[in-house]
C-alpha atoms as a PDB file:
ATOM      1  CA  MET A   1      13.501  22.260  -9.176  1.00  0.00           C
ATOM      2  CA  SER A   2      15.789  24.965 -10.520  1.00  0.00           C
ATOM      3  CA  ASP A   3      18.370  24.383  -7.798  1.00  0.00           C
ATOM      4  CA  LEU A   4      18.170  20.587  -7.968  1.00  0.00           C
ATOM      5  CA  GLN A   5      21.781  19.404  -7.929  1.00  0.00           C
ATOM      6  CA  CYS A   6      21.138  15.758  -7.109  1.00  0.00           C
ATOM      7  CA  ALA A   7      19.052  14.013  -9.759  1.00  0.00           C
ATOM      8  CA  VAL A   8      15.755  12.353  -8.968  1.00  0.00           C
ATOM      9  CA  THR A   9      14.459   9.263 -10.724  1.00  0.00           C
ATOM     10  CA  VAL A  10      10.739   8.971 -11.406  1.00  0.00           C
ATOM     11  CA  LEU A  11       9.282   5.652 -12.480  1.00  0.00           C
ATOM     12  CA  ALA A  12       5.951   6.494 -14.127  1.00  0.00           C
ATOM     13  CA  ALA A  13       3.385   3.746 -14.643  1.00  0.00           C
ATOM     14  CA  ALA A  14      -0.150   3.501 -15.956  1.00  0.00           C
ATOM     15  CA  ALA A  15      -2.913   2.844 -13.456  1.00  0.00           C
ATOM     16  CA  ALA A  16      -4.224  -0.703 -13.824  1.00  0.00           C
ATOM     17  CA  PRO A  17      -4.928  -2.519 -10.540  1.00  0.00           C
ATOM     18  CA  GLU A  18      -5.180  -5.867 -12.324  1.00  0.00           C
ATOM     19  CA  HIS A  19      -1.611  -5.400 -13.591  1.00  0.00           C
ATOM     20  CA  ALA A  20      -0.075  -4.420 -10.242  1.00  0.00           C
ATOM     21  CA  PRO A  21       2.043  -7.640 -10.181  1.00  0.00           C
ATOM     22  CA  ALA A  22       3.578  -6.726 -13.568  1.00  0.00           C
ATOM     23  CA  LEU A  23       4.272  -3.224 -12.288  1.00  0.00           C
ATOM     24  CA  MET A  24       5.921  -4.583  -9.155  1.00  0.00           C
ATOM     25  CA  ALA A  25       8.108  -6.864 -11.281  1.00  0.00           C
ATOM     26  CA  SER A  26       9.142  -3.823 -13.339  1.00  0.00           C
ATOM     27  CA  VAL A  27      10.235  -1.815 -10.293  1.00  0.00           C
ATOM     28  CA  ALA A  28      11.510  -4.656  -8.089  1.00  0.00           C
ATOM     29  CA  HIS A  29      15.171  -3.804  -8.771  1.00  0.00           C
ATOM     30  CA  GLN A  30      14.663  -0.151  -7.772  1.00  0.00           C
ATOM     31  CA  ARG A  31      14.833   1.341  -4.295  1.00  0.00           C
ATOM     32  CA  VAL A  32      11.567   3.299  -4.287  1.00  0.00           C
ATOM     33  CA  ALA A  33      11.294   5.971  -1.581  1.00  0.00           C
ATOM     34  CA  SER A  34       7.631   6.907  -2.117  1.00  0.00           C
ATOM     35  CA  VAL A  35       4.631   6.359  -4.380  1.00  0.00           C
ATOM     36  CA  TRP A  36       2.649   9.259  -5.878  1.00  0.00           C
ATOM     37  CA  CYS A  37      -0.630   8.958  -7.758  1.00  0.00           C
ATOM     38  CA  SER A  38      -3.612  10.812  -9.151  1.00  0.00           C
ATOM     39  CA  ASP A  39      -6.744  10.988  -7.012  1.00  0.00           C
ATOM     40  CA  GLU A  40      -8.630   8.660  -9.379  1.00  0.00           C
ATOM     41  CA  GLU A  41      -9.853   5.296  -8.091  1.00  0.00           C
ATOM     42  CA  ASP A  42      -7.826   3.108 -10.480  1.00  0.00           C
ATOM     43  CA  ALA A  43      -4.621   5.033  -9.782  1.00  0.00           C
ATOM     44  CA  ILE A  44      -5.184   4.865  -6.025  1.00  0.00           C
ATOM     45  CA  GLY A  45      -5.804   1.114  -6.274  1.00  0.00           C
ATOM     46  CA  THR A  46      -2.652   0.478  -8.288  1.00  0.00           C
ATOM     47  CA  ALA A  47      -0.469   2.878  -6.295  1.00  0.00           C
ATOM     48  CA  GLY A  48      -1.861   1.735  -2.952  1.00  0.00           C
ATOM     49  CA  ALA A  49      -1.003  -1.888  -3.709  1.00  0.00           C
ATOM     50  CA  ALA A  50       2.504  -0.837  -4.769  1.00  0.00           C
ATOM     51  CA  ALA A  51       3.042   1.363  -1.700  1.00  0.00           C
ATOM     52  CA  ASP A  52       1.879  -1.451   0.599  1.00  0.00           C
ATOM     53  CA  GLU A  53       4.190  -3.982  -1.034  1.00  0.00           C
ATOM     54  CA  LEU A  54       7.136  -1.569  -1.031  1.00  0.00           C
ATOM     55  CA  GLY A  55       6.421  -0.403   2.524  1.00  0.00           C
ATOM     56  CA  VAL A  56       6.467   3.289   1.565  1.00  0.00           C
ATOM     57  CA  ARG A  57       4.155   6.282   1.825  1.00  0.00           C
ATOM     58  CA  LEU A  58       1.432   7.014  -0.744  1.00  0.00           C
ATOM     59  CA  THR A  59       0.786  10.623  -1.797  1.00  0.00           C
ATOM     60  CA  GLU A  60      -2.255  11.543  -3.905  1.00  0.00           C
ATOM     61  CA  ARG A  61      -2.266  14.624  -6.160  1.00  0.00           C
ATOM     62  CA  GLU A  62      -5.204  15.963  -8.169  1.00  0.00           C
ATOM     63  CA  GLY A  63      -2.651  17.451 -10.583  1.00  0.00           C
ATOM     64  CA  LEU A  64      -1.954  13.951 -11.937  1.00  0.00           C
ATOM     65  CA  ARG A  65      -5.593  13.472 -12.915  1.00  0.00           C
ATOM     66  CA  ALA A  66      -6.606  12.704 -16.492  1.00  0.00           C
ATOM     67  CA  ASP A  67      -9.223  15.290 -17.420  1.00  0.00           C
ATOM     68  CA  PRO A  68     -10.824  14.386 -20.774  1.00  0.00           C
ATOM     69  CA  GLY A  69     -11.221  17.401 -23.006  1.00  0.00           C
ATOM     70  CA  ALA A  70      -8.820  19.532 -20.968  1.00  0.00           C
ATOM     71  CA  ASP A  71      -6.386  21.806 -22.777  1.00  0.00           C
ATOM     72  CA  PRO A  72      -3.181  19.774 -23.394  1.00  0.00           C
ATOM     73  CA  ALA A  73      -1.003  22.734 -22.366  1.00  0.00           C
ATOM     74  CA  THR A  74      -2.817  22.898 -19.033  1.00  0.00           C
ATOM     75  CA  ALA A  75      -2.190  19.186 -18.464  1.00  0.00           C
ATOM     76  CA  VAL A  76       1.516  19.660 -19.137  1.00  0.00           C
ATOM     77  CA  VAL A  77       1.696  22.478 -16.582  1.00  0.00           C
ATOM     78  CA  ARG A  78      -0.209  20.447 -13.972  1.00  0.00           C
ATOM     79  CA  ILE A  79       1.961  17.352 -14.407  1.00  0.00           C
ATOM     80  CA  ARG A  80       5.171  19.406 -14.483  1.00  0.00           C
ATOM     81  CA  THR A  81       4.159  21.041 -11.190  1.00  0.00           C
ATOM     82  CA  VAL A  82       3.665  17.650  -9.514  1.00  0.00           C
ATOM     83  CA  LEU A  83       6.910  16.290 -10.988  1.00  0.00           C
ATOM     84  CA  GLU A  84       8.772  19.287  -9.585  1.00  0.00           C
ATOM     85  CA  GLU A  85       7.235  18.591  -6.167  1.00  0.00           C
ATOM     86  CA  VAL A  86       8.351  14.957  -6.430  1.00  0.00           C
ATOM     87  CA  ALA A  87      11.850  16.099  -7.452  1.00  0.00           C
ATOM     88  CA  ASP A  88      12.120  18.548  -4.566  1.00  0.00           C
ATOM     89  CA  THR A  89      10.904  15.905  -2.108  1.00  0.00           C
ATOM     90  CA  HIS A  90      13.078  13.044  -3.374  1.00  0.00           C
ATOM     91  CA  ARG A  91      16.447  14.495  -4.351  1.00  0.00           C
ATOM     92  CA  GLY A  92      18.838  11.640  -5.024  1.00  0.00           C
ATOM     93  CA  GLU A  93      16.032   9.097  -4.618  1.00  0.00           C
ATOM     94  CA  THR A  94      13.550   7.179  -6.741  1.00  0.00           C
ATOM     95  CA  ALA A  95       9.791   7.739  -6.673  1.00  0.00           C
ATOM     96  CA  LEU A  96       7.020   5.759  -8.339  1.00  0.00           C
ATOM     97  CA  LEU A  97       4.284   7.812 -10.014  1.00  0.00           C
ATOM     98  CA  VAL A  98       0.966   6.207 -11.050  1.00  0.00           C
ATOM     99  CA  THR A  99      -1.666   7.839 -13.244  1.00  0.00           C
ATOM    100  CA  ARG A 100      -3.735   6.993 -16.298  1.00  0.00           C
ATOM    101  CA  ALA A 101      -1.955   5.895 -19.472  1.00  0.00           C
ATOM    102  CA  PRO A 102      -3.147   8.876 -21.575  1.00  0.00           C
ATOM    103  CA  VAL A 103      -1.485  11.264 -19.135  1.00  0.00           C
ATOM    104  CA  LEU A 104       1.805   9.435 -19.496  1.00  0.00           C
ATOM    105  CA  ALA A 105       1.536   9.123 -23.276  1.00  0.00           C
ATOM    106  CA  ASP A 106       0.466  12.724 -23.882  1.00  0.00           C
ATOM    107  CA  VAL A 107       2.505  14.642 -21.322  1.00  0.00           C
ATOM    108  CA  LEU A 108       5.777  12.838 -20.594  1.00  0.00           C
ATOM    109  CA  PRO A 109       7.124  13.123 -24.169  1.00  0.00           C
ATOM    110  CA  VAL A 110       6.501  16.877 -24.022  1.00  0.00           C
ATOM    111  CA  LEU A 111       8.357  17.195 -20.706  1.00  0.00           C
ATOM    112  CA  ALA A 112      11.315  14.936 -21.547  1.00  0.00           C
ATOM    113  CA  ARG A 113      13.790  16.953 -23.579  1.00  0.00           C
ATOM    114  CA  ASN A 114      15.113  13.868 -25.383  1.00  0.00           C
ATOM    115  CA  LEU A 115      11.741  12.692 -26.748  1.00  0.00           C
ATOM    116  CA  ARG A 116       9.607  14.008 -29.562  1.00  0.00           C
ATOM    117  CA  ALA A 117       6.141  15.202 -28.534  1.00  0.00           C
ATOM    118  CA  ASP A 118       4.568  12.419 -30.628  1.00  0.00           C
ATOM    119  CA  HIS A 119       6.791   9.682 -29.162  1.00  0.00           C
ATOM    120  CA  ALA A 120       3.903   7.660 -27.724  1.00  0.00           C
ATOM    121  CA  ALA A 121       2.273   7.293 -31.141  1.00  0.00           C
ATOM    122  CA  GLY A 122       4.970   4.833 -32.187  1.00  0.00           C
ATOM    123  CA  HIS A 123       5.752   3.497 -28.712  1.00  0.00           C
ATOM    124  CA  PRO A 124       2.592   2.420 -26.858  1.00  0.00           C
ATOM    125  CA  LEU A 125       2.685   1.736 -23.132  1.00  0.00           C
ATOM    126  CA  PRO A 126       1.396  -1.759 -22.364  1.00  0.00           C
ATOM    127  CA  ALA A 127      -0.162  -2.497 -18.981  1.00  0.00           C
ATOM    128  CA  GLY A 128       2.488  -2.674 -16.277  1.00  0.00           C
ATOM    129  CA  ALA A 129       5.046  -0.826 -18.410  1.00  0.00           C
ATOM    130  CA  VAL A 130       7.194   1.853 -16.818  1.00  0.00           C
ATOM    131  CA  VAL A 131       8.673   5.101 -18.120  1.00  0.00           C
ATOM    132  CA  GLU A 132      11.858   6.057 -16.290  1.00  0.00           C
ATOM    133  CA  LEU A 133      12.602   9.772 -16.068  1.00  0.00           C
ATOM    134  CA  ALA A 134      15.587  11.534 -14.567  1.00  0.00           C
ATOM    135  CA  GLY A 135      15.153  15.090 -13.370  1.00  0.00           C
ATOM    136  CA  ASP A 136      17.761  17.662 -12.449  1.00  0.00           C
ATOM    137  CA  SER A 137      18.288  21.405 -12.781  1.00  0.00           C
ATOM    138  CA  ASP A 138      18.321  21.031 -16.586  1.00  0.00           C
ATOM    139  CA  GLY A 139      14.852  19.446 -16.680  1.00  0.00           C
ATOM    140  CA  TRP A 140      13.643  15.935 -17.493  1.00  0.00           C
ATOM    141  CA  VAL A 141      15.210  13.175 -19.590  1.00  0.00           C
ATOM    142  CA  CYS A 142      13.631   9.837 -20.463  1.00  0.00           C
ATOM    143  CA  ARG A 143      15.975   6.966 -19.585  1.00  0.00           C
ATOM    144  CA  SER A 144      13.581   4.234 -20.688  1.00  0.00           C
ATOM    145  CA  TRP A 145      10.120   3.882 -22.185  1.00  0.00           C
ATOM    146  CA  ALA A 146       8.423   0.514 -21.702  1.00  0.00           C
ATOM    147  CA  GLY A 147      11.759  -1.295 -21.544  1.00  0.00           C
ATOM    148  CA  HIS A 148      13.480   0.585 -24.389  1.00  0.00           C
ATOM    149  CA  ARG A 149      16.564   2.394 -23.056  1.00  0.00           C
ATOM    150  CA  TYR A 150      17.569   5.893 -24.208  1.00  0.00           C
ATOM    151  CA  ASP A 151      20.916   7.581 -23.828  1.00  0.00           C
ATOM    152  CA  GLY A 152      19.464  11.051 -23.305  1.00  0.00           C
ATOM    153  CA  SER A 153      20.468  12.477 -26.680  1.00  0.00           C
ATOM    154  CA  GLY A 154      17.163  11.965 -28.441  1.00  0.00           C
ATOM    155  CA  ALA A 155      14.687   9.278 -29.367  1.00  0.00           C
END
């Protein structure tokens, strides 16, 4: 991602098949090029429904998996690696990423340079909520967290 000149937008959502309609309502205004998800059953169910409705490809990645008890630093590296793959694949486009809520809450604030690492503690992610990230050669910035917009300077 170091040479990424054209920003990528990643819409990250928690896996919850029963809330797929709420997720689709959240991303309906976006032009989603592809859906990425962890290889866990609930993520595949949620992401598969979204990919079918959007008419786009679904890509599964083990690196998006929520591994209970895993070292948090390892999770950050795994998720960052997948996000960089998404960024390299979808330059100038928007991708939807689906994984378990703890992954989003624990890792995305660490990766987004405008959020504090404990951001999720005061800003829970309800079912169907979306975190919008923008990625470019400078890294990741959170544009919105469950409907709350951020200007990129800090939250």
